Structures are given as C-alpha cells and as structure tokens.
Amino acid sequence: MNKVVQMLLVLTSIGILAGGLLAMVNKWADPLIAANRKAATEAAIFRVQPEGKNYEAIQNAGFEVYKVKNENNEELGFAMVYSGNGFQGKIRLICGLSKDLEKMTALEILDQVETPGLGTKVTETPFTNQFKQLQTTPGVNWIKGVKPEKPNEIQAITGATISSKAVVAIINSGIERMKKLRDAGGLK
C-alpha cells in the first residue's frame, strides 16, 4: 500500500508541475500570438483592398470590420473579418467590399484547418481569385461542375464542396450583418 501512495504522490507532483509550466508558457505566448494575428490581419486588409493606404476599425460592430481609405483619405470600402464552420473546424477569412457592399474586391483565408490537399484548396489562388469583383447581391452563390454564368457565382472545388460551401456561407452571413449594420447607421 505504501508504494501505491508513493506513486500517487509522484504522479500528482508531476501533473501539478507540468500544468504549472503549461500555464506559464500559455501566459507568455498569448500576447505574442495576438500580436502576430493582428499583424497578419493588418497586412491582409491591404491585400483585399489593394488601393487602400490606411484604415480604421469600426467600433461596436460585434465583429472585425475596417473602413479602408485611399491616400487622399477617401473611403474605398470595407475589409470584413468573419469566421464560421468549415468541414474540419473554423474558417476565418477577410474579404474586401465596395462602399455600397454590392461587390467584393478580394478574398483571403486567414485561418483554416480543412483537409490537407482538398479543403485547403480554398486558400489557393484559383479559388480565391473567383471572388474578385464578385457581386454580393442577392448573395454569393456556388455551383458545381459547370462554369459560373451569373455575376454572383463561384465554382465549388471538386472534392472539397463542403469547404467551398462553408466559405460562401461565411461570406454571405458576414455581408448580411454588414448590411444590417449599415442600415442601422453603424458603418459611419
């Protein structure tokens, strides 16, 4: 019985020590992770709004959205960061939108954990380029197996339809919230 108590004490001590070390590493790494994520988002703002020279965050939107301006401080449109569920987990993206929210300027996937070789194709240029100058009204739509014929359609990735549909659903959900925010006077 004495050996059992001794083993329990050793294992408990190791568990407490390991847990404490993990907590310390987490406390140290969290600000660095947040800073890197912020820097990546800032760089992405200018990739989805290539004519942009500066931006300002729109406060109290309930999600990340930025008003993007040119070198003369004239409003170009918006950069919306939004996330939702994909096939494997969360997909976090940023899309550029025109001032009237009727067109996308570009799309970039910021974070995803989709299936390597299939779902990860949503991050690749052939997929993301489809969103350049894409109309957002009545909503972005996906099709499969044929070329898009309407100005609001993109072609889903074969073998990764769920990931493609998820990206479209995330965009549509975010744009819907943007339009509600605009209608409530929150995009000023």
N, C-alpha and C. Protein backbone atom coordinates (compact mmCIF):
# COMPACT_ATOMS: atom_id res chain seq x y z
N MET A 1 0.81 -1.19 0.00
CA MET A 1 0.00 0.00 0.00
C MET A 1 0.87 1.27 0.00
N ASN A 2 2.00 1.20 0.69
CA ASN A 2 2.90 2.32 0.79
C ASN A 2 3.42 2.71 -0.59
N LYS A 3 3.69 1.75 -1.48
CA LYS A 3 4.19 2.01 -2.83
C LYS A 3 3.13 2.72 -3.66
N VAL A 4 1.86 2.36 -3.48
CA VAL A 4 0.76 2.98 -4.22
C VAL A 4 0.65 4.46 -3.84
N VAL A 5 0.72 4.76 -2.58
CA VAL A 5 0.65 6.15 -2.11
C VAL A 5 1.84 6.94 -2.66
N GLN A 6 3.00 6.33 -2.63
CA GLN A 6 4.21 6.99 -3.13
C GLN A 6 4.06 7.29 -4.63
N MET A 7 3.56 6.33 -5.42
CA MET A 7 3.36 6.54 -6.85
C MET A 7 2.33 7.64 -7.10
N LEU A 8 1.27 7.65 -6.34
CA LEU A 8 0.25 8.70 -6.49
C LEU A 8 0.83 10.08 -6.19
N LEU A 9 1.63 10.18 -5.16
CA LEU A 9 2.25 11.46 -4.82
C LEU A 9 3.21 11.93 -5.92
N VAL A 10 3.99 11.02 -6.47
CA VAL A 10 4.93 11.36 -7.54
C VAL A 10 4.16 11.81 -8.78
N LEU A 11 3.15 11.04 -9.17
CA LEU A 11 2.37 11.38 -10.36
C LEU A 11 1.60 12.70 -10.17
N THR A 12 1.07 12.92 -8.99
CA THR A 12 0.37 14.17 -8.70
C THR A 12 1.33 15.35 -8.78
N SER A 13 2.52 15.19 -8.22
CA SER A 13 3.53 16.25 -8.27
C SER A 13 3.92 16.56 -9.71
N ILE A 14 4.13 15.52 -10.50
CA ILE A 14 4.50 15.72 -11.92
C ILE A 14 3.36 16.43 -12.66
N GLY A 15 2.13 16.03 -12.39
CA GLY A 15 0.97 16.67 -13.03
C GLY A 15 0.85 18.13 -12.66
N ILE A 16 1.04 18.45 -11.39
CA ILE A 16 0.96 19.84 -10.94
C ILE A 16 2.08 20.67 -11.57
N LEU A 17 3.29 20.12 -11.60
CA LEU A 17 4.42 20.82 -12.19
C LEU A 17 4.20 21.05 -13.69
N ALA A 18 3.78 20.01 -14.40
CA ALA A 18 3.54 20.13 -15.84
C ALA A 18 2.42 21.13 -16.12
N GLY A 19 1.35 21.07 -15.34
CA GLY A 19 0.24 22.02 -15.52
C GLY A 19 0.69 23.46 -15.28
N GLY A 20 1.49 23.66 -14.25
CA GLY A 20 2.01 24.99 -13.94
C GLY A 20 2.90 25.52 -15.05
N LEU A 21 3.77 24.65 -15.58
CA LEU A 21 4.64 25.06 -16.68
C LEU A 21 3.84 25.40 -17.93
N LEU A 22 2.83 24.60 -18.24
CA LEU A 22 1.98 24.89 -19.39
C LEU A 22 1.25 26.22 -19.22
N ALA A 23 0.77 26.50 -18.02
CA ALA A 23 0.10 27.77 -17.76
C ALA A 23 1.05 28.94 -17.95
N MET A 24 2.30 28.79 -17.50
CA MET A 24 3.29 29.86 -17.66
C MET A 24 3.61 30.09 -19.14
N VAL A 25 3.80 29.02 -19.89
CA VAL A 25 4.08 29.15 -21.33
C VAL A 25 2.90 29.80 -22.03
N ASN A 26 1.69 29.41 -21.67
CA ASN A 26 0.50 29.99 -22.28
C ASN A 26 0.41 31.48 -21.98
N LYS A 27 0.68 31.87 -20.75
CA LYS A 27 0.63 33.28 -20.36
C LYS A 27 1.68 34.08 -21.13
N TRP A 28 2.83 33.50 -21.36
CA TRP A 28 3.90 34.15 -22.10
C TRP A 28 3.58 34.24 -23.59
N ALA A 29 2.99 33.17 -24.16
CA ALA A 29 2.77 33.10 -25.61
C ALA A 29 1.52 33.84 -26.08
N ASP A 30 0.50 33.96 -25.25
CA ASP A 30 -0.76 34.59 -25.67
C ASP A 30 -0.58 35.98 -26.27
N PRO A 31 0.15 36.89 -25.64
CA PRO A 31 0.32 38.22 -26.25
C PRO A 31 1.07 38.17 -27.57
N LEU A 32 2.03 37.26 -27.69
CA LEU A 32 2.77 37.13 -28.95
C LEU A 32 1.87 36.61 -30.06
N ILE A 33 1.03 35.64 -29.74
CA ILE A 33 0.09 35.10 -30.72
C ILE A 33 -0.89 36.18 -31.15
N ALA A 34 -1.40 36.95 -30.20
CA ALA A 34 -2.34 38.03 -30.52
C ALA A 34 -1.68 39.09 -31.40
N ALA A 35 -0.43 39.43 -31.11
CA ALA A 35 0.27 40.44 -31.91
C ALA A 35 0.51 39.93 -33.33
N ASN A 36 0.89 38.67 -33.48
CA ASN A 36 1.10 38.10 -34.81
C ASN A 36 -0.21 38.03 -35.59
N ARG A 37 -1.28 37.68 -34.91
CA ARG A 37 -2.59 37.61 -35.57
C ARG A 37 -3.03 39.00 -36.04
N LYS A 38 -2.79 40.01 -35.20
CA LYS A 38 -3.14 41.38 -35.56
C LYS A 38 -2.32 41.85 -36.77
N ALA A 39 -1.03 41.55 -36.77
CA ALA A 39 -0.17 41.94 -37.89
C ALA A 39 -0.60 41.26 -39.18
N ALA A 40 -0.97 39.98 -39.10
CA ALA A 40 -1.43 39.26 -40.28
C ALA A 40 -2.74 39.86 -40.81
N THR A 41 -3.63 40.24 -39.91
CA THR A 41 -4.89 40.85 -40.32
C THR A 41 -4.63 42.20 -40.97
N GLU A 42 -3.75 43.01 -40.39
CA GLU A 42 -3.43 44.32 -40.96
C GLU A 42 -2.86 44.20 -42.37
N ALA A 43 -1.98 43.25 -42.58
CA ALA A 43 -1.41 43.04 -43.92
C ALA A 43 -2.49 42.58 -44.89
N ALA A 44 -3.39 41.72 -44.43
CA ALA A 44 -4.46 41.19 -45.28
C ALA A 44 -5.44 42.28 -45.68
N ILE A 45 -5.64 43.28 -44.84
CA ILE A 45 -6.56 44.38 -45.18
C ILE A 45 -6.14 45.01 -46.51
N PHE A 46 -4.86 45.23 -46.69
CA PHE A 46 -4.38 45.88 -47.91
C PHE A 46 -4.28 44.92 -49.09
N ARG A 47 -4.33 43.62 -48.83
CA ARG A 47 -4.38 42.67 -49.95
C ARG A 47 -5.81 42.55 -50.48
N VAL A 48 -6.81 42.68 -49.61
CA VAL A 48 -8.20 42.59 -50.09
C VAL A 48 -8.73 43.95 -50.54
N GLN A 49 -8.05 45.02 -50.18
CA GLN A 49 -8.35 46.37 -50.66
C GLN A 49 -7.04 46.97 -51.17
N PRO A 50 -6.58 46.52 -52.35
CA PRO A 50 -5.23 46.87 -52.82
C PRO A 50 -4.99 48.37 -53.02
N GLU A 51 -6.03 49.15 -53.22
CA GLU A 51 -5.86 50.60 -53.40
C GLU A 51 -5.84 51.33 -52.06
N GLY A 52 -6.07 50.61 -50.98
CA GLY A 52 -6.10 51.22 -49.66
C GLY A 52 -4.73 51.62 -49.16
N LYS A 53 -4.70 52.73 -48.43
CA LYS A 53 -3.46 53.21 -47.84
C LYS A 53 -3.56 53.30 -46.31
N ASN A 54 -4.77 53.42 -45.79
CA ASN A 54 -4.97 53.41 -44.34
C ASN A 54 -6.36 52.88 -44.03
N TYR A 55 -6.59 52.63 -42.77
CA TYR A 55 -7.88 52.07 -42.37
C TYR A 55 -8.19 52.47 -40.95
N GLU A 56 -9.44 52.29 -40.59
CA GLU A 56 -9.84 52.50 -39.20
C GLU A 56 -10.86 51.42 -38.85
N ALA A 57 -10.74 50.92 -37.65
CA ALA A 57 -11.67 49.89 -37.17
C ALA A 57 -13.02 50.52 -36.89
N ILE A 58 -14.06 49.82 -37.24
CA ILE A 58 -15.42 50.25 -36.90
C ILE A 58 -15.74 49.63 -35.55
N GLN A 59 -15.97 50.49 -34.58
CA GLN A 59 -16.22 50.04 -33.22
C GLN A 59 -17.66 49.56 -33.04
N ASN A 60 -17.86 48.69 -32.09
CA ASN A 60 -19.19 48.20 -31.70
C ASN A 60 -19.94 47.51 -32.83
N ALA A 61 -19.22 46.90 -33.76
CA ALA A 61 -19.88 46.18 -34.85
C ALA A 61 -20.25 44.76 -34.41
N GLY A 62 -19.56 44.24 -33.41
CA GLY A 62 -19.81 42.88 -32.98
C GLY A 62 -18.90 41.87 -33.67
N PHE A 63 -18.13 42.32 -34.62
CA PHE A 63 -17.15 41.51 -35.34
C PHE A 63 -16.13 42.48 -35.92
N GLU A 64 -15.04 41.94 -36.47
CA GLU A 64 -13.98 42.80 -37.01
C GLU A 64 -14.37 43.35 -38.37
N VAL A 65 -14.44 44.66 -38.48
CA VAL A 65 -14.67 45.30 -39.77
C VAL A 65 -13.91 46.62 -39.77
N TYR A 66 -13.32 46.92 -40.92
CA TYR A 66 -12.47 48.09 -41.06
C TYR A 66 -12.92 48.93 -42.25
N LYS A 67 -12.93 50.24 -42.06
CA LYS A 67 -13.20 51.17 -43.15
C LYS A 67 -11.85 51.47 -43.79
N VAL A 68 -11.73 51.22 -45.08
CA VAL A 68 -10.45 51.38 -45.78
C VAL A 68 -10.51 52.64 -46.63
N LYS A 69 -9.41 53.41 -46.58
CA LYS A 69 -9.35 54.69 -47.29
C LYS A 69 -8.10 54.75 -48.17
N ASN A 70 -8.17 55.61 -49.20
CA ASN A 70 -7.02 55.78 -50.09
C ASN A 70 -6.08 56.85 -49.55
N GLU A 71 -5.06 57.23 -50.36
CA GLU A 71 -4.07 58.20 -49.89
C GLU A 71 -4.65 59.58 -49.65
N ASN A 72 -5.81 59.89 -50.25
CA ASN A 72 -6.48 61.17 -50.03
C ASN A 72 -7.50 61.10 -48.90
N ASN A 73 -7.48 60.01 -48.17
CA ASN A 73 -8.39 59.76 -47.06
C ASN A 73 -9.85 59.63 -47.50
N GLU A 74 -10.05 59.24 -48.76
CA GLU A 74 -11.40 58.99 -49.28
C GLU A 74 -11.73 57.52 -49.06
N GLU A 75 -12.94 57.28 -48.65
CA GLU A 75 -13.37 55.91 -48.35
C GLU A 75 -13.45 55.07 -49.63
N LEU A 76 -12.78 53.91 -49.59
CA LEU A 76 -12.82 52.97 -50.71
C LEU A 76 -13.86 51.88 -50.49
N GLY A 77 -13.98 51.46 -49.26
CA GLY A 77 -14.88 50.35 -48.93
C GLY A 77 -14.52 49.79 -47.58
N PHE A 78 -14.71 48.48 -47.45
CA PHE A 78 -14.52 47.85 -46.16
C PHE A 78 -13.69 46.57 -46.29
N ALA A 79 -13.08 46.20 -45.19
CA ALA A 79 -12.43 44.91 -45.05
C ALA A 79 -13.12 44.22 -43.88
N MET A 80 -13.76 43.11 -44.16
CA MET A 80 -14.55 42.40 -43.15
C MET A 80 -13.85 41.10 -42.78
N VAL A 81 -13.57 40.91 -41.50
CA VAL A 81 -13.01 39.66 -40.99
C VAL A 81 -14.18 38.89 -40.39
N TYR A 82 -14.36 37.67 -40.84
CA TYR A 82 -15.51 36.88 -40.37
C TYR A 82 -15.11 35.42 -40.31
N SER A 83 -15.78 34.66 -39.48
CA SER A 83 -15.45 33.24 -39.38
C SER A 83 -16.71 32.41 -39.21
N GLY A 84 -16.56 31.14 -39.51
CA GLY A 84 -17.66 30.19 -39.38
C GLY A 84 -17.11 28.78 -39.50
N ASN A 85 -18.01 27.82 -39.48
CA ASN A 85 -17.61 26.42 -39.51
C ASN A 85 -17.33 25.95 -40.93
N GLY A 86 -16.22 25.22 -41.06
CA GLY A 86 -15.90 24.54 -42.29
C GLY A 86 -16.15 23.05 -42.10
N PHE A 87 -15.48 22.23 -42.89
CA PHE A 87 -15.64 20.78 -42.78
C PHE A 87 -14.94 20.25 -41.53
N GLN A 88 -13.72 20.71 -41.27
CA GLN A 88 -12.92 20.20 -40.16
C GLN A 88 -12.96 21.09 -38.92
N GLY A 89 -13.25 22.35 -39.10
CA GLY A 89 -13.22 23.29 -37.98
C GLY A 89 -13.51 24.69 -38.48
N LYS A 90 -13.09 25.67 -37.71
CA LYS A 90 -13.36 27.08 -38.04
C LYS A 90 -12.55 27.53 -39.25
N ILE A 91 -13.20 28.34 -40.08
CA ILE A 91 -12.53 29.04 -41.17
C ILE A 91 -12.67 30.52 -40.85
N ARG A 92 -11.55 31.22 -40.83
CA ARG A 92 -11.54 32.67 -40.59
C ARG A 92 -11.03 33.32 -41.87
N LEU A 93 -11.80 34.27 -42.38
CA LEU A 93 -11.45 34.89 -43.65
C LEU A 93 -11.58 36.40 -43.57
N ILE A 94 -11.04 37.06 -44.57
CA ILE A 94 -11.19 38.50 -44.71
C ILE A 94 -11.58 38.77 -46.15
N CYS A 95 -12.58 39.62 -46.33
CA CYS A 95 -12.94 39.98 -47.70
C CYS A 95 -13.06 41.49 -47.81
N GLY A 96 -12.67 41.98 -48.96
CA GLY A 96 -12.81 43.39 -49.27
C GLY A 96 -14.17 43.62 -49.89
N LEU A 97 -14.82 44.69 -49.49
CA LEU A 97 -16.15 45.02 -50.01
C LEU A 97 -16.16 46.47 -50.48
N SER A 98 -16.94 46.71 -51.52
CA SER A 98 -17.12 48.08 -52.00
C SER A 98 -17.89 48.90 -50.98
N LYS A 99 -17.91 50.23 -51.15
CA LYS A 99 -18.61 51.11 -50.22
C LYS A 99 -20.09 50.75 -50.09
N ASP A 100 -20.71 50.37 -51.21
CA ASP A 100 -22.14 50.05 -51.18
C ASP A 100 -22.42 48.59 -50.83
N LEU A 101 -21.37 47.83 -50.55
CA LEU A 101 -21.45 46.41 -50.18
C LEU A 101 -22.00 45.53 -51.30
N GLU A 102 -21.97 46.02 -52.52
CA GLU A 102 -22.53 45.28 -53.66
C GLU A 102 -21.49 44.42 -54.39
N LYS A 103 -20.21 44.68 -54.15
CA LYS A 103 -19.15 43.91 -54.82
C LYS A 103 -18.04 43.59 -53.84
N MET A 104 -17.44 42.43 -54.06
CA MET A 104 -16.24 42.06 -53.32
C MET A 104 -15.04 42.49 -54.13
N THR A 105 -14.00 42.95 -53.45
CA THR A 105 -12.77 43.30 -54.16
C THR A 105 -11.80 42.13 -54.15
N ALA A 106 -11.81 41.35 -53.08
CA ALA A 106 -10.92 40.18 -52.98
C ALA A 106 -11.27 39.39 -51.73
N LEU A 107 -10.71 38.20 -51.67
CA LEU A 107 -10.92 37.30 -50.53
C LEU A 107 -9.59 36.68 -50.14
N GLU A 108 -9.39 36.52 -48.85
CA GLU A 108 -8.22 35.80 -48.35
C GLU A 108 -8.64 34.98 -47.14
N ILE A 109 -8.20 33.74 -47.10
CA ILE A 109 -8.46 32.88 -45.94
C ILE A 109 -7.33 33.11 -44.95
N LEU A 110 -7.69 33.52 -43.73
CA LEU A 110 -6.68 33.81 -42.71
C LEU A 110 -6.31 32.57 -41.90
N ASP A 111 -7.30 31.79 -41.48
CA ASP A 111 -7.06 30.58 -40.69
C ASP A 111 -8.04 29.50 -41.15
N GLN A 112 -7.54 28.29 -41.19
CA GLN A 112 -8.40 27.15 -41.52
C GLN A 112 -7.71 25.87 -41.09
N VAL A 113 -8.51 24.83 -40.87
CA VAL A 113 -7.97 23.50 -40.53
C VAL A 113 -8.64 22.44 -41.40
N GLU A 114 -8.84 22.78 -42.66
CA GLU A 114 -9.52 21.86 -43.57
C GLU A 114 -8.59 20.71 -43.98
N THR A 115 -9.16 19.73 -44.64
CA THR A 115 -8.43 18.54 -45.05
C THR A 115 -7.27 18.91 -45.99
N PRO A 116 -6.04 18.55 -45.63
CA PRO A 116 -4.89 18.87 -46.49
C PRO A 116 -5.07 18.25 -47.88
N GLY A 117 -4.78 19.05 -48.91
CA GLY A 117 -4.87 18.58 -50.28
C GLY A 117 -6.25 18.70 -50.90
N LEU A 118 -7.28 18.83 -50.08
CA LEU A 118 -8.65 19.00 -50.61
C LEU A 118 -9.23 20.32 -50.11
N GLY A 119 -9.66 20.33 -48.86
CA GLY A 119 -10.28 21.52 -48.29
C GLY A 119 -9.36 22.72 -48.25
N THR A 120 -8.05 22.44 -48.15
CA THR A 120 -7.10 23.55 -48.10
C THR A 120 -7.02 24.29 -49.44
N LYS A 121 -7.63 23.73 -50.48
CA LYS A 121 -7.64 24.41 -51.78
C LYS A 121 -8.41 25.72 -51.73
N VAL A 122 -9.22 25.92 -50.68
CA VAL A 122 -9.93 27.20 -50.55
C VAL A 122 -8.96 28.35 -50.30
N THR A 123 -7.72 28.05 -49.92
CA THR A 123 -6.72 29.08 -49.68
C THR A 123 -5.93 29.41 -50.95
N GLU A 124 -6.10 28.61 -51.97
CA GLU A 124 -5.28 28.76 -53.18
C GLU A 124 -5.87 29.79 -54.14
N THR A 125 -4.99 30.38 -54.94
CA THR A 125 -5.35 31.45 -55.86
C THR A 125 -6.48 31.11 -56.84
N PRO A 126 -6.49 29.91 -57.44
CA PRO A 126 -7.59 29.62 -58.37
C PRO A 126 -8.98 29.75 -57.72
N PHE A 127 -9.08 29.41 -56.45
CA PHE A 127 -10.36 29.54 -55.76
C PHE A 127 -10.60 30.98 -55.33
N THR A 128 -9.64 31.60 -54.67
CA THR A 128 -9.85 32.95 -54.12
C THR A 128 -9.99 34.01 -55.22
N ASN A 129 -9.36 33.80 -56.37
CA ASN A 129 -9.49 34.77 -57.47
C ASN A 129 -10.91 34.88 -58.00
N GLN A 130 -11.72 33.85 -57.78
CA GLN A 130 -13.11 33.88 -58.25
C GLN A 130 -13.91 34.98 -57.55
N PHE A 131 -13.43 35.44 -56.40
CA PHE A 131 -14.18 36.41 -55.61
C PHE A 131 -13.86 37.86 -55.98
N LYS A 132 -12.88 38.06 -56.83
CA LYS A 132 -12.53 39.42 -57.24
C LYS A 132 -13.66 39.98 -58.11
N GLN A 133 -14.16 41.14 -57.72
CA GLN A 133 -15.24 41.85 -58.41
C GLN A 133 -16.53 41.03 -58.49
N LEU A 134 -16.72 40.14 -57.55
CA LEU A 134 -17.92 39.30 -57.49
C LEU A 134 -19.07 40.11 -56.89
N GLN A 135 -20.22 40.04 -57.50
CA GLN A 135 -21.39 40.73 -56.96
C GLN A 135 -21.87 40.00 -55.71
N THR A 136 -22.33 40.76 -54.74
CA THR A 136 -22.80 40.17 -53.49
C THR A 136 -24.32 40.15 -53.37
N THR A 137 -25.00 40.73 -54.34
CA THR A 137 -26.46 40.77 -54.31
C THR A 137 -26.98 39.89 -55.42
N PRO A 138 -27.92 39.03 -55.17
CA PRO A 138 -28.70 38.79 -53.96
C PRO A 138 -27.97 37.96 -52.92
N GLY A 139 -26.77 37.57 -53.17
CA GLY A 139 -25.94 36.77 -52.27
C GLY A 139 -24.97 36.00 -53.13
N VAL A 140 -23.82 35.69 -52.58
CA VAL A 140 -22.84 34.89 -53.30
C VAL A 140 -23.38 33.47 -53.38
N ASN A 141 -23.24 32.86 -54.55
CA ASN A 141 -23.76 31.51 -54.76
C ASN A 141 -22.63 30.64 -55.30
N TRP A 142 -22.70 29.36 -55.01
CA TRP A 142 -21.71 28.41 -55.53
C TRP A 142 -22.42 27.44 -56.48
N ILE A 143 -21.68 26.99 -57.48
CA ILE A 143 -22.19 25.97 -58.39
C ILE A 143 -21.11 24.91 -58.52
N LYS A 144 -21.51 23.76 -59.03
CA LYS A 144 -20.56 22.65 -59.12
C LYS A 144 -20.66 22.01 -60.51
N GLY A 145 -19.52 21.78 -61.12
CA GLY A 145 -19.46 21.03 -62.36
C GLY A 145 -19.66 21.84 -63.63
N VAL A 146 -20.07 23.09 -63.52
CA VAL A 146 -20.23 23.95 -64.70
C VAL A 146 -19.60 25.30 -64.41
N LYS A 147 -19.32 26.05 -65.48
CA LYS A 147 -18.73 27.37 -65.30
C LYS A 147 -19.78 28.34 -64.77
N PRO A 148 -19.38 29.24 -63.91
CA PRO A 148 -20.32 30.25 -63.43
C PRO A 148 -20.81 31.14 -64.57
N GLU A 149 -22.11 31.40 -64.59
CA GLU A 149 -22.70 32.23 -65.63
C GLU A 149 -23.23 33.55 -65.08
N LYS A 150 -23.47 33.59 -63.78
CA LYS A 150 -24.03 34.80 -63.17
C LYS A 150 -22.92 35.55 -62.45
N PRO A 151 -23.08 36.87 -62.30
CA PRO A 151 -22.02 37.67 -61.68
C PRO A 151 -21.86 37.47 -60.18
N ASN A 152 -22.71 36.64 -59.57
CA ASN A 152 -22.60 36.37 -58.13
C ASN A 152 -22.27 34.91 -57.85
N GLU A 153 -21.75 34.19 -58.85
CA GLU A 153 -21.48 32.76 -58.71
C GLU A 153 -19.98 32.46 -58.73
N ILE A 154 -19.62 31.45 -57.93
CA ILE A 154 -18.26 30.90 -57.99
C ILE A 154 -18.40 29.39 -58.19
N GLN A 155 -17.34 28.77 -58.65
CA GLN A 155 -17.34 27.33 -58.85
C GLN A 155 -16.73 26.66 -57.62
N ALA A 156 -17.48 25.72 -57.03
CA ALA A 156 -17.01 24.98 -55.87
C ALA A 156 -15.85 24.07 -56.28
N ILE A 157 -15.00 23.78 -55.35
CA ILE A 157 -13.85 22.90 -55.60
C ILE A 157 -14.32 21.46 -55.58
N THR A 158 -14.03 20.72 -56.64
CA THR A 158 -14.39 19.31 -56.70
C THR A 158 -13.63 18.56 -55.62
N GLY A 159 -14.34 17.78 -54.83
CA GLY A 159 -13.75 17.02 -53.75
C GLY A 159 -13.68 17.81 -52.44
N ALA A 160 -13.98 19.09 -52.52
CA ALA A 160 -13.97 19.94 -51.32
C ALA A 160 -15.20 20.84 -51.32
N THR A 161 -16.31 20.27 -51.75
CA THR A 161 -17.54 21.05 -51.85
C THR A 161 -17.96 21.63 -50.51
N ILE A 162 -17.81 20.86 -49.45
CA ILE A 162 -18.24 21.34 -48.12
C ILE A 162 -17.42 22.56 -47.72
N SER A 163 -16.12 22.52 -47.95
CA SER A 163 -15.28 23.68 -47.63
C SER A 163 -15.64 24.88 -48.48
N SER A 164 -15.89 24.66 -49.78
CA SER A 164 -16.29 25.74 -50.68
C SER A 164 -17.61 26.35 -50.23
N LYS A 165 -18.58 25.49 -49.92
CA LYS A 165 -19.89 25.97 -49.46
C LYS A 165 -19.76 26.72 -48.15
N ALA A 166 -18.87 26.26 -47.29
CA ALA A 166 -18.67 26.92 -45.99
C ALA A 166 -18.13 28.34 -46.19
N VAL A 167 -17.16 28.51 -47.09
CA VAL A 167 -16.61 29.84 -47.37
C VAL A 167 -17.72 30.76 -47.87
N VAL A 168 -18.55 30.28 -48.79
CA VAL A 168 -19.65 31.08 -49.33
C VAL A 168 -20.64 31.43 -48.22
N ALA A 169 -20.96 30.47 -47.37
CA ALA A 169 -21.90 30.72 -46.27
C ALA A 169 -21.34 31.75 -45.29
N ILE A 170 -20.05 31.66 -44.99
CA ILE A 170 -19.42 32.63 -44.08
C ILE A 170 -19.49 34.03 -44.69
N ILE A 171 -19.16 34.15 -45.96
CA ILE A 171 -19.21 35.44 -46.65
C ILE A 171 -20.62 36.01 -46.62
N ASN A 172 -21.60 35.20 -47.00
CA ASN A 172 -22.99 35.68 -47.04
C ASN A 172 -23.47 36.11 -45.66
N SER A 173 -23.12 35.35 -44.64
CA SER A 173 -23.51 35.69 -43.28
C SER A 173 -22.88 37.02 -42.85
N GLY A 174 -21.61 37.20 -43.14
CA GLY A 174 -20.92 38.44 -42.79
C GLY A 174 -21.48 39.64 -43.54
N ILE A 175 -21.74 39.48 -44.83
CA ILE A 175 -22.29 40.58 -45.61
C ILE A 175 -23.69 40.95 -45.13
N GLU A 176 -24.46 39.95 -44.75
CA GLU A 176 -25.80 40.22 -44.21
C GLU A 176 -25.69 41.07 -42.94
N ARG A 177 -24.74 40.72 -42.07
CA ARG A 177 -24.53 41.52 -40.85
C ARG A 177 -24.03 42.92 -41.19
N MET A 178 -23.17 43.03 -42.22
CA MET A 178 -22.69 44.34 -42.65
C MET A 178 -23.84 45.21 -43.13
N LYS A 179 -24.75 44.63 -43.90
CA LYS A 179 -25.89 45.39 -44.42
C LYS A 179 -26.81 45.84 -43.29
N LYS A 180 -27.01 44.98 -42.30
CA LYS A 180 -27.83 45.37 -41.14
C LYS A 180 -27.13 46.49 -40.38
N LEU A 181 -25.83 46.40 -40.24
CA LEU A 181 -25.06 47.44 -39.56
C LEU A 181 -25.16 48.76 -40.33
N ARG A 182 -25.04 48.68 -41.65
CA ARG A 182 -25.17 49.88 -42.50
C ARG A 182 -26.56 50.50 -42.34
N ASP A 183 -27.59 49.67 -42.41
CA ASP A 183 -28.97 50.16 -42.30
C ASP A 183 -29.25 50.78 -40.93
N ALA A 184 -28.54 50.33 -39.91
CA ALA A 184 -28.70 50.89 -38.58
C ALA A 184 -27.80 52.11 -38.35
N GLY A 185 -27.03 52.49 -39.39
CA GLY A 185 -26.15 53.65 -39.29
C GLY A 185 -24.83 53.38 -38.60
N GLY A 186 -24.46 52.11 -38.49
CA GLY A 186 -23.24 51.76 -37.77
C GLY A 186 -21.97 51.72 -38.59
N LEU A 187 -22.04 52.01 -39.89
CA LEU A 187 -20.83 51.96 -40.72
C LEU A 187 -20.25 53.36 -40.97
N LYS A 188 -20.67 54.32 -40.20
CA LYS A 188 -20.17 55.70 -40.40
C LYS A 188 -18.94 55.97 -39.60
